[in-house]
Structures are given as C-alpha cells and as structure tokens.
C-alpha cells in the first residue's frame, strides 16, 4: 500500500449534507478563533484585574493559548490516525470546555496562563481533525476549494467575536468571556457527537507505536513539497499572529478607537472572509500553485509599500486600514492553498501531517508572531516590517519547494464547484 496516498471518498457519500459537513468543520476550527478573538477587548481589564503592569505582557494570554494549541497538535495527529477522528475530537473538546471554565475563576495571572495553555491543547484536536477529515474526503484542487469555503465560514468568528467580547464587557467582567467560550464548545461538541461521520476508513488506520509515529514524522519531514509549503504557511500565519497580539494596542493605543475596535476589527476580518470566498471560486480554474504564488507576490509588494510609508510618515487610521485590508485580500489564497499543497502528498498520514503542519503554523508561527507583537513601539512600523519579512521568507520556501519554477500547475482544472452545497 502506498504510504503517501489514499483514495478519498466522494463527498456525496457522506451521511450528512455537504453544506453541513463544511459548516461543522468550520465550527470546529472556529473554536480556536473564538478562544483568541473574543477576548481581545478584555485584555486591558484582565491585566488590571490580575495586576499585570507591563502592557506587552497582556499579550501572553494569547501567546500561552497559541503555544498550547501548537504543541497539542503533535499529540492528536498520530492518535487520530490510530483511533479515527471522532474519539480524539471528543477528548479535545472536553479539555477545551474544562480549561475555559477553569480560566473563568483563575485567581492569578499565572493560573490564567496555565488554563489558557491547557485550553489550547484541547483546541488542537479541533484543528487537526477538521483538516484531517477534509483530506480523508477530498484531494487536489477540490480539497483547496473546500478548505477555502471552510475558512470563509469560520471567518465569521473573527468578524463577530470581538463585538461579542465588547458586549459582554458592557454588562459583566472578563470572567464571563471564558464562560461564553465553554458554552460555545459544548454546543459544537453536541453537534459533532450527533452528526459528524467517521471519515478514516479502518484499512487506513496506523499502529500507534513509537516507531510508527517517528516513521510518520520522518515521511512528512522528508517530503520536500510538504515541508516547504508547511514552512511557507508558518511564516504567513506568523504575520497574522503578530497582528492579533498587537491589535488592541494598535487600534486603541495608537488610534484611540475605543469601543469602535470590534467594528473596525470585524471589517478587516470581513475582507479576509471575502478573500477566502474568492479563492474558492478561482482555485478550480487557476490551480493552487498559480493562485497562491501570485497571491504571495502581491502580499509581498503590499507589505513592502506599507513598510516604506510607515517609515516616512505617521500613518493615520484610514491609511493603516487600507494597507492592512489590502494585505488581507491575497491572504485567503495563501492559507487554504498552502495547507492543501502541504497535505496533498500525504493522504494516508493525514492526521500526522495535519499535526505537524498545525504545530509549525501555531507553535513556530506563534513564536514568530509573538516577536512581532513584542516589537510594538507605539507605531505600526514593527507590524509592517514583520509582514514584509515573513513574506520574503515564505517566497524563499516556495522557490525551494518548486526548484525555482513557479506558476506550474500539477493538477487538471476541476469541473463544477463545491459552492453548490446541496
């Protein structure tokens, strides 16, 4: 049996409608976004309540979660390749709910950080398994198209989550934000238990031994295409983590937007959601490689222009939003397609491959994003410099992956579109 390929089942054979399959995968992935974005308006109150004097140290509430989320994926990937997708998913959701509830009553900043790291570990199951079941079911351009639709749906959370957090803060304390996370995870847990099918066929399950796990890691890490696209995706997501870590300081500290922060944040997130929708419409015709590589060059040009302007003038809010939203427009063609390109040659190792890809994106990307966030100096220049740097690094990885030959399609165009979700 070929260790690096499977024959994905047709989505039409799923026991649930295709639209529900996409919505459920999006909901699972959205729990991770909820755990970050809903609390951004509360960082200042959390710091004041728990005695955090250094403003930049408030970002550790996000960083602790991201590090737990990244590390946990190395565990859930091999587990899901052995026992299937459903049981590890339920275990992760239980951890997520328990940690969120514990964070709501954390008596100190240190305890809160521990709870956040554990919550991230639980959330790791949702990301790994959502990507794995898509790879179990689709391949090639179809997989990239489905991933774009999933990203588009789950992007509703970054749009509305800061507003929900701000609304909670009007009537209650930051503790109830974590209660909201726990309730949201309970709802998704019930939906998954009742409706999610098992997508890993018995003949593709792997033995769970040290040698098999290490062997799976070796296959993934020695595949040039998968590894380089995983690194490219890591660098790109580092830019997003850097923005998330410093968003509250930029919008409130520099531009003094106050309670308008969730509205502005939602507007930019809406651009990213549209970008993912646009990618889902184009990738079947243009191809993952051509589309993502063109988008990366555009991302680099916009980031470079943003950096140059930020060095020359004190950037007003409208210009900052213009540059950032412009950078988000090609972003949708980067995340989904880089993920699909990294996963494509590793079908039978979908869980392990997803865990390594997720670890790199969130753990390594989180560290790089933290460095970008911690470089905040009261201006937007560090963020612009971070975007520019990671786009150059991602381009180098793509050149290595493709041996210097870009814009070469590897899969034929697909007929029809997954956007017909009936």
Protein backbone atom coordinates (compact mmCIF):
# COMPACT_ATOMS: atom_id res chain seq x y z
CA UNK A 1 0.00 0.00 0.00
CA UNK A 2 1.29 3.42 -0.89
CA UNK A 3 2.10 5.22 2.32
CA UNK A 4 1.54 8.63 0.90
CA UNK A 5 -1.76 8.45 -0.89
CA UNK A 6 -5.31 7.39 -0.37
CA UNK A 7 -8.41 7.44 -2.45
CA UNK A 8 -10.66 9.91 -0.74
CA UNK A 9 -14.31 9.08 -0.64
CA UNK A 10 -16.77 11.23 -2.52
CA UNK A 11 -18.45 13.93 -0.52
CA UNK A 12 -21.73 12.79 -1.98
CA UNK A 13 -21.38 9.55 0.04
CA UNK A 14 -21.18 11.39 3.35
CA UNK A 15 -24.09 10.59 5.67
CA UNK A 16 -24.67 14.31 6.21
CA UNK A 17 -25.32 17.03 3.59
CA UNK A 18 -22.22 18.60 2.11
CA UNK A 19 -23.17 22.07 3.39
CA UNK A 20 -23.44 20.68 6.92
CA UNK A 21 -20.08 18.92 6.56
CA UNK A 22 -18.44 22.22 5.64
CA UNK A 23 -20.31 24.14 8.35
CA UNK A 24 -19.34 21.60 11.02
CA UNK A 25 -15.67 21.63 10.03
CA UNK A 26 -15.79 25.43 10.09
CA UNK A 27 -17.39 25.40 13.55
CA UNK A 28 -14.67 23.11 14.88
CA UNK A 29 -11.93 25.37 13.54
CA UNK A 30 -13.82 28.45 14.71
CA UNK A 31 -13.48 27.38 18.36
CA UNK A 32 -9.80 28.23 18.05
CA UNK A 33 -10.58 31.65 16.62
CA UNK A 34 -13.22 32.22 19.31
CA UNK A 35 -10.68 31.49 22.05
CA UNK A 36 -8.48 34.31 20.75
CA UNK A 37 -10.65 37.00 19.19
CA UNK A 38 -13.46 37.23 21.75
CA UNK A 39 -11.05 38.24 24.49
CA UNK A 40 -9.11 40.94 22.66
CA UNK A 41 -11.34 43.74 24.03
CA UNK A 42 -10.81 42.34 27.56
CA UNK A 43 -7.01 42.27 27.65
CA UNK A 44 -6.78 45.64 29.35
CA UNK A 45 -9.28 44.67 32.06
CA UNK A 46 -7.62 41.28 32.57
CA UNK A 47 -4.28 43.00 33.07
CA UNK A 48 -5.74 45.47 35.56
CA UNK A 49 -7.68 42.78 37.44
CA UNK A 50 -4.72 40.41 37.80
CA UNK A 51 -2.01 43.00 38.40
CA UNK A 52 -0.17 42.91 35.06
CA UNK A 53 1.80 46.16 34.91
CA UNK A 54 3.61 45.79 31.56
CA UNK A 55 1.13 46.32 28.71
CA UNK A 56 3.01 43.99 26.37
CA UNK A 57 2.75 41.18 28.94
CA UNK A 58 -1.02 41.12 28.48
CA UNK A 59 -0.31 39.50 25.11
CA UNK A 60 0.82 36.38 26.99
CA UNK A 61 -2.86 35.47 27.44
CA UNK A 62 -2.92 34.95 23.67
CA UNK A 63 0.61 33.53 23.46
CA UNK A 64 0.03 30.85 26.14
CA UNK A 65 -3.01 29.61 24.26
CA UNK A 66 -1.20 29.55 20.91
CA UNK A 67 1.75 27.60 22.33
CA UNK A 68 -0.56 25.00 23.89
CA UNK A 69 -2.52 24.83 20.66
CA UNK A 70 0.63 24.25 18.63
CA UNK A 71 2.17 21.64 20.91
CA UNK A 72 -1.08 19.72 21.34
CA UNK A 73 -1.35 19.06 17.63
CA UNK A 74 1.70 16.79 17.68
CA UNK A 75 -0.25 14.55 20.07
CA UNK A 76 -3.68 14.48 18.43
CA UNK A 77 -2.45 13.79 14.88
CA UNK A 78 -0.98 10.31 15.44
CA UNK A 79 -3.79 9.50 17.88
CA UNK A 80 -6.41 10.26 15.23
CA UNK A 81 -4.54 8.16 12.65
CA UNK A 82 -4.81 5.20 15.05
CA UNK A 83 -8.25 5.53 16.64
CA UNK A 84 -10.12 7.50 14.00
CA UNK A 85 -11.30 11.09 14.07
CA UNK A 86 -14.31 11.11 16.41
CA UNK A 87 -12.93 9.85 19.74
CA UNK A 88 -9.85 12.12 19.88
CA UNK A 89 -12.05 15.03 18.85
CA UNK A 90 -14.42 14.45 21.78
CA UNK A 91 -11.47 14.21 24.18
CA UNK A 92 -10.08 17.51 22.92
CA UNK A 93 -13.43 19.25 23.25
CA UNK A 94 -13.78 18.07 26.86
CA UNK A 95 -10.34 19.52 27.65
CA UNK A 96 -11.28 22.80 25.94
CA UNK A 97 -14.50 23.17 27.94
CA UNK A 98 -12.88 22.30 31.28
CA UNK A 99 -9.94 24.68 30.75
CA UNK A 100 -12.21 27.56 29.70
CA UNK A 101 -14.34 27.05 32.81
CA UNK A 102 -11.21 26.98 35.00
CA UNK A 103 -9.90 30.16 33.37
CA UNK A 104 -13.13 31.92 34.31
CA UNK A 105 -12.27 31.51 38.01
CA UNK A 106 -8.47 31.88 37.76
CA UNK A 107 -7.22 33.74 40.87
CA UNK A 108 -3.93 34.94 39.35
CA UNK A 109 -2.34 35.80 36.02
CA UNK A 110 -0.06 32.76 36.24
CA UNK A 111 -3.03 30.44 36.79
CA UNK A 112 -4.85 32.04 33.88
CA UNK A 113 -1.87 31.41 31.59
CA UNK A 114 -1.79 27.73 32.62
CA UNK A 115 -5.51 27.39 31.90
CA UNK A 116 -5.04 29.06 28.53
CA UNK A 117 -2.23 26.70 27.58
CA UNK A 118 -4.39 23.68 28.51
CA UNK A 119 -7.31 25.15 26.59
CA UNK A 120 -5.02 25.44 23.57
CA UNK A 121 -4.08 21.76 23.91
CA UNK A 122 -7.75 20.81 23.80
CA UNK A 123 -8.41 23.08 20.83
CA UNK A 124 -5.57 21.37 18.96
CA UNK A 125 -7.86 18.40 18.38
CA UNK A 126 -10.40 20.55 16.57
CA UNK A 127 -7.87 21.94 14.11
CA UNK A 128 -6.01 18.69 13.42
CA UNK A 129 -9.14 16.62 12.97
CA UNK A 130 -11.06 19.18 10.91
CA UNK A 131 -8.20 19.33 8.40
CA UNK A 132 -7.78 15.53 8.51
CA UNK A 133 -11.40 14.76 7.70
CA UNK A 134 -11.25 17.14 4.75
CA UNK A 135 -8.14 15.31 3.49
CA UNK A 136 -9.89 11.97 4.12
CA UNK A 137 -12.71 13.11 1.87
CA UNK A 138 -11.22 15.34 -0.85
CA UNK A 139 -7.97 15.77 -2.77
CA UNK A 140 -6.23 18.20 -5.13
CA UNK A 141 -7.98 21.38 -6.20
CA UNK A 142 -11.24 20.10 -4.74
CA UNK A 143 -9.61 19.95 -1.32
CA UNK A 144 -8.29 23.51 -1.66
CA UNK A 145 -11.74 24.70 -2.72
CA UNK A 146 -13.41 23.04 0.27
CA UNK A 147 -10.77 24.40 2.64
CA UNK A 148 -11.41 27.90 1.29
CA UNK A 149 -15.13 27.55 1.94
CA UNK A 150 -14.43 26.29 5.45
CA UNK A 151 -12.09 29.22 6.08
CA UNK A 152 -14.72 31.59 4.69
CA UNK A 153 -17.42 30.27 7.04
CA UNK A 154 -15.23 30.15 10.14
CA UNK A 155 -14.02 33.70 9.41
CA UNK A 156 -17.43 34.79 10.70
CA UNK A 157 -15.97 34.32 14.19
CA UNK A 158 -13.19 36.94 13.88
CA UNK A 159 -15.85 39.25 12.44
CA UNK A 160 -18.28 38.92 15.36
CA UNK A 161 -16.16 37.66 18.28
CA UNK A 162 -14.59 40.99 19.32
CA UNK A 163 -18.06 42.53 19.25
CA UNK A 164 -19.38 39.74 21.46
CA UNK A 165 -16.49 40.29 23.84
CA UNK A 166 -17.13 44.04 23.90
CA UNK A 167 -20.85 43.43 24.54
CA UNK A 168 -20.08 41.10 27.45
CA UNK A 169 -17.76 43.70 28.91
CA UNK A 170 -20.61 46.23 28.97
CA UNK A 171 -22.62 44.13 31.42
CA UNK A 172 -20.16 41.75 33.09
CA UNK A 173 -16.49 41.13 33.83
CA UNK A 174 -13.89 39.38 31.71
CA UNK A 175 -14.62 36.10 33.53
CA UNK A 176 -17.83 35.65 31.54
CA UNK A 177 -15.91 35.72 28.29
CA UNK A 178 -14.43 32.35 29.24
CA UNK A 179 -17.88 31.09 30.22
CA UNK A 180 -19.03 32.01 26.71
CA UNK A 181 -16.14 30.00 25.23
CA UNK A 182 -17.14 26.95 27.28
CA UNK A 183 -20.79 27.20 26.24
CA UNK A 184 -19.84 27.58 22.57
CA UNK A 185 -17.63 24.49 22.76
CA UNK A 186 -20.43 22.49 24.41
CA UNK A 187 -22.77 23.34 21.53
CA UNK A 188 -20.21 22.28 18.90
CA UNK A 189 -19.48 19.12 20.92
CA UNK A 190 -23.13 18.09 20.84
CA UNK A 191 -23.32 18.80 17.09
CA UNK A 192 -20.21 16.70 16.45
CA UNK A 193 -21.42 13.77 18.55
CA UNK A 194 -24.78 13.71 16.82
CA UNK A 195 -23.79 14.37 13.22
CA UNK A 196 -20.07 14.00 12.46
CA UNK A 197 -19.27 10.83 10.49
CA UNK A 198 -16.09 8.80 10.95
CA UNK A 199 -14.07 9.56 7.81
CA UNK A 200 -10.95 7.44 8.41
CA UNK A 201 -11.57 4.02 6.93
CA UNK A 202 -10.37 1.04 9.02
CA UNK A 203 -7.83 -0.12 6.42
CA UNK A 204 -6.02 3.24 6.65
CA UNK A 205 -5.57 3.26 10.43
CA UNK A 206 -1.96 3.10 11.60
CA UNK A 207 -0.41 1.34 14.56
CA UNK A 208 0.34 3.64 17.47
CA UNK A 209 3.92 2.78 18.40
CA UNK A 210 6.99 4.91 18.88
CA UNK A 211 8.50 3.58 15.66
CA UNK A 212 5.32 4.14 13.62
CA UNK A 213 4.89 7.68 14.94
CA UNK A 214 8.53 8.54 14.29
CA UNK A 215 8.28 6.89 10.89
CA UNK A 216 5.25 9.01 10.06
CA UNK A 217 7.05 12.16 11.17
CA UNK A 218 10.04 11.16 9.03
CA UNK A 219 7.88 10.69 5.92
CA UNK A 220 6.28 14.10 6.40
CA UNK A 221 9.50 15.94 7.24
CA UNK A 222 11.45 14.46 4.31
CA UNK A 223 8.85 15.33 1.68
CA UNK A 224 10.24 18.48 0.09
CA UNK A 225 6.93 19.79 -1.23
CA UNK A 226 5.04 19.21 2.02
CA UNK A 227 7.77 20.59 4.27
CA UNK A 228 8.48 23.73 2.27
CA UNK A 229 4.82 24.62 1.87
CA UNK A 230 4.36 23.96 5.59
CA UNK A 231 7.15 26.44 6.35
CA UNK A 232 5.66 28.95 3.91
CA UNK A 233 2.31 28.62 5.65
CA UNK A 234 4.04 29.02 9.02
CA UNK A 235 5.65 32.30 8.01
CA UNK A 236 2.38 33.67 6.63
CA UNK A 237 0.42 32.76 9.76
CA UNK A 238 3.14 34.37 11.89
CA UNK A 239 2.10 37.69 10.37
CA UNK A 240 -1.50 37.11 11.44
CA UNK A 241 -0.46 36.10 14.96
CA UNK A 242 1.68 39.22 15.19
CA UNK A 243 -1.30 41.36 14.26
CA UNK A 244 -3.62 39.60 16.72
CA UNK A 245 -1.11 40.03 19.54
CA UNK A 246 -0.78 43.77 18.98
CA UNK A 247 -4.21 44.65 17.52
CA UNK A 248 -5.64 46.05 20.75
CA UNK A 249 -2.56 48.22 21.33
CA UNK A 250 -2.57 49.49 17.74
CA UNK A 251 -6.25 50.31 17.42
CA UNK A 252 -6.82 51.56 20.97
CA UNK A 253 -3.34 52.75 21.94
CA UNK A 254 -2.28 54.46 18.70
CA UNK A 255 -5.54 55.34 17.01
CA UNK A 256 -7.73 55.66 20.13
CA UNK A 257 -10.75 53.99 18.52
CA UNK A 258 -12.21 52.97 21.90
CA UNK A 259 -15.41 50.94 21.61
CA UNK A 260 -15.17 51.04 17.81
CA UNK A 261 -12.33 48.50 17.99
CA UNK A 262 -14.60 45.44 17.43
CA UNK A 263 -16.31 47.14 14.48
CA UNK A 264 -13.04 48.00 12.74
CA UNK A 265 -11.60 44.56 13.52
CA UNK A 266 -14.72 42.95 12.07
CA UNK A 267 -14.42 45.00 8.89
CA UNK A 268 -10.90 43.81 8.21
CA UNK A 269 -11.87 40.22 9.06
CA UNK A 270 -14.69 40.57 6.56
CA UNK A 271 -12.12 41.31 3.86
CA UNK A 272 -10.35 38.08 4.76
CA UNK A 273 -13.62 36.13 4.59
CA UNK A 274 -14.29 37.57 1.12
CA UNK A 275 -10.75 36.65 0.12
CA UNK A 276 -11.37 33.00 1.04
CA UNK A 277 -14.64 33.00 -0.90
CA UNK A 278 -12.85 34.45 -3.93
CA UNK A 279 -10.19 31.77 -3.64
CA UNK A 280 -12.85 29.04 -3.56
CA UNK A 281 -14.22 30.36 -6.86
CA UNK A 282 -10.86 30.71 -8.61
CA UNK A 283 -8.75 27.80 -7.43
CA UNK A 284 -10.54 25.19 -9.54
CA UNK A 285 -9.83 27.17 -12.72
CA UNK A 286 -6.40 28.62 -11.99
CA UNK A 287 -4.91 25.98 -9.71
CA UNK A 288 -3.47 26.03 -6.20
CA UNK A 289 0.09 26.80 -7.25
CA UNK A 290 -0.57 29.59 -9.71
CA UNK A 291 -3.12 31.27 -7.47
CA UNK A 292 -1.19 31.03 -4.19
CA UNK A 293 2.16 32.00 -5.69
CA UNK A 294 0.65 35.03 -7.43
CA UNK A 295 -1.06 36.00 -4.18
CA UNK A 296 2.22 35.70 -2.29
CA UNK A 297 3.95 38.12 -4.65
CA UNK A 298 1.08 40.57 -4.24
CA UNK A 299 1.25 40.16 -0.45
CA UNK A 300 4.98 40.94 -0.56
CA UNK A 301 4.54 44.07 -2.70
CA UNK A 302 1.77 45.43 -0.45
CA UNK A 303 3.78 44.70 2.71
CA UNK A 304 6.87 46.40 1.30
CA UNK A 305 4.88 49.50 0.33
CA UNK A 306 3.28 49.53 3.79
CA UNK A 307 6.70 49.39 5.46
CA UNK A 308 8.14 52.20 3.33
CA UNK A 309 5.19 54.50 4.01
CA UNK A 310 5.21 53.74 7.75
CA UNK A 311 8.88 54.75 7.91
CA UNK A 312 8.20 58.05 6.17
CA UNK A 313 5.04 59.33 7.84
CA UNK A 314 2.93 58.94 10.96
CA UNK A 315 0.23 56.78 9.45
CA UNK A 316 -3.40 57.86 10.00
CA UNK A 317 -6.06 55.27 10.80
CA UNK A 318 -7.62 55.25 7.33
CA UNK A 319 -4.27 54.58 5.67
CA UNK A 320 -3.38 51.82 8.15
CA UNK A 321 -6.71 50.10 7.49
CA UNK A 322 -6.20 50.49 3.73
CA UNK A 323 -2.79 48.82 3.81
CA UNK A 324 -3.84 46.08 6.21
CA UNK A 325 -7.07 45.27 4.35
CA UNK A 326 -5.12 45.23 1.07
CA UNK A 327 -2.70 42.71 2.57
CA UNK A 328 -5.63 40.56 3.72
CA UNK A 329 -7.09 40.40 0.21
CA UNK A 330 -4.45 37.95 -1.12
CA UNK A 331 -4.18 36.24 2.28
CA UNK A 332 -7.17 33.98 1.58
CA UNK A 333 -5.34 32.45 -1.38
CA UNK A 334 -2.32 31.73 0.82
CA UNK A 335 -3.65 29.95 3.90
CA UNK A 336 -6.05 27.47 2.28
CA UNK A 337 -3.85 26.67 -0.72
CA UNK A 338 -0.58 26.33 1.19
CA UNK A 339 -2.37 23.96 3.58
CA UNK A 340 -3.76 21.91 0.72
CA UNK A 341 -0.40 21.78 -1.10
CA UNK A 342 1.35 20.63 2.07
CA UNK A 343 -1.29 17.96 2.79
CA UNK A 344 -1.81 16.67 -0.76
CA UNK A 345 1.10 14.19 -1.00
CA UNK A 346 0.45 12.75 2.49
CA UNK A 347 -3.03 11.26 2.27
CA UNK A 348 -2.63 8.13 4.41
CA UNK A 349 -0.79 10.18 7.04
CA UNK A 350 -3.45 12.89 7.11
CA UNK A 351 -3.61 13.05 10.91
CA UNK A 352 0.16 13.07 11.40
CA UNK A 353 0.68 15.50 8.52
CA UNK A 354 -2.04 17.80 9.84
CA UNK A 355 -0.49 17.70 13.31
CA UNK A 356 2.97 18.67 12.05
CA UNK A 357 1.57 21.37 9.78
CA UNK A 358 -0.57 22.70 12.62
CA UNK A 359 2.35 22.58 15.07
CA UNK A 360 4.53 24.57 12.72
CA UNK A 361 1.82 27.13 11.96
CA UNK A 362 0.79 27.72 15.56
CA UNK A 363 3.85 26.92 17.70
CA UNK A 364 6.59 28.24 15.43
CA UNK A 365 4.26 30.79 13.85
CA UNK A 366 3.10 31.78 17.32
CA UNK A 367 6.66 32.36 18.49
CA UNK A 368 7.45 34.46 15.42
CA UNK A 369 4.16 36.30 15.82
CA UNK A 370 4.96 36.98 19.47
CA UNK A 371 8.28 38.50 18.43
CA UNK A 372 6.40 40.76 16.01
CA UNK A 373 3.90 41.69 18.71
CA UNK A 374 6.56 42.29 21.37
CA UNK A 375 8.37 44.63 18.97
CA UNK A 376 5.45 47.06 19.28
CA UNK A 377 6.90 50.50 19.96
CA UNK A 378 3.91 52.78 19.70
CA UNK A 379 3.92 52.78 15.89
CA UNK A 380 2.71 50.41 13.16
CA UNK A 381 6.21 50.02 11.69
CA UNK A 382 7.11 46.77 13.55
CA UNK A 383 3.94 45.12 12.23
CA UNK A 384 4.64 46.26 8.66
CA UNK A 385 8.24 45.07 8.96
CA UNK A 386 7.00 41.72 10.26
CA UNK A 387 4.62 41.29 7.32
CA UNK A 388 7.39 42.15 4.87
CA UNK A 389 9.90 39.77 6.49
CA UNK A 390 7.61 36.74 6.61
CA UNK A 391 6.51 37.21 3.01
CA UNK A 392 10.14 37.15 1.86
CA UNK A 393 10.79 34.01 3.94
CA UNK A 394 7.68 32.33 2.51
CA UNK A 395 8.76 33.16 -1.05
CA UNK A 396 12.15 31.53 -0.43
CA UNK A 397 10.40 28.36 0.78
CA UNK A 398 8.22 28.24 -2.34
CA UNK A 399 11.28 28.61 -4.58
CA UNK A 400 12.91 25.66 -2.80
CA UNK A 401 9.72 23.57 -3.00
CA UNK A 402 9.29 24.16 -6.72
CA UNK A 403 13.02 24.07 -7.55
CA UNK A 404 12.81 27.66 -8.76
CA UNK A 405 9.95 27.00 -11.21
CA UNK A 406 6.85 28.86 -10.11
CA UNK A 407 3.33 29.04 -11.60
CA UNK A 408 3.42 25.43 -12.86
CA UNK A 409 0.06 23.58 -12.35
CA UNK A 410 0.23 19.96 -11.14
CA UNK A 411 -3.48 19.13 -11.19
CA UNK A 412 -6.01 19.50 -14.03
CA UNK A 413 -8.82 22.04 -13.65
CA UNK A 414 -11.95 20.70 -11.95
CA UNK A 415 -15.43 20.89 -13.41
CA UNK A 416 -18.19 22.38 -11.32
CA UNK A 417 -17.79 23.96 -7.90
CA UNK A 418 -18.19 22.87 -4.33
CA UNK A 419 -20.08 26.08 -3.73
CA UNK A 420 -23.17 24.12 -4.72
CA UNK A 421 -23.63 22.70 -1.24
CA UNK A 422 -26.82 20.76 -1.72
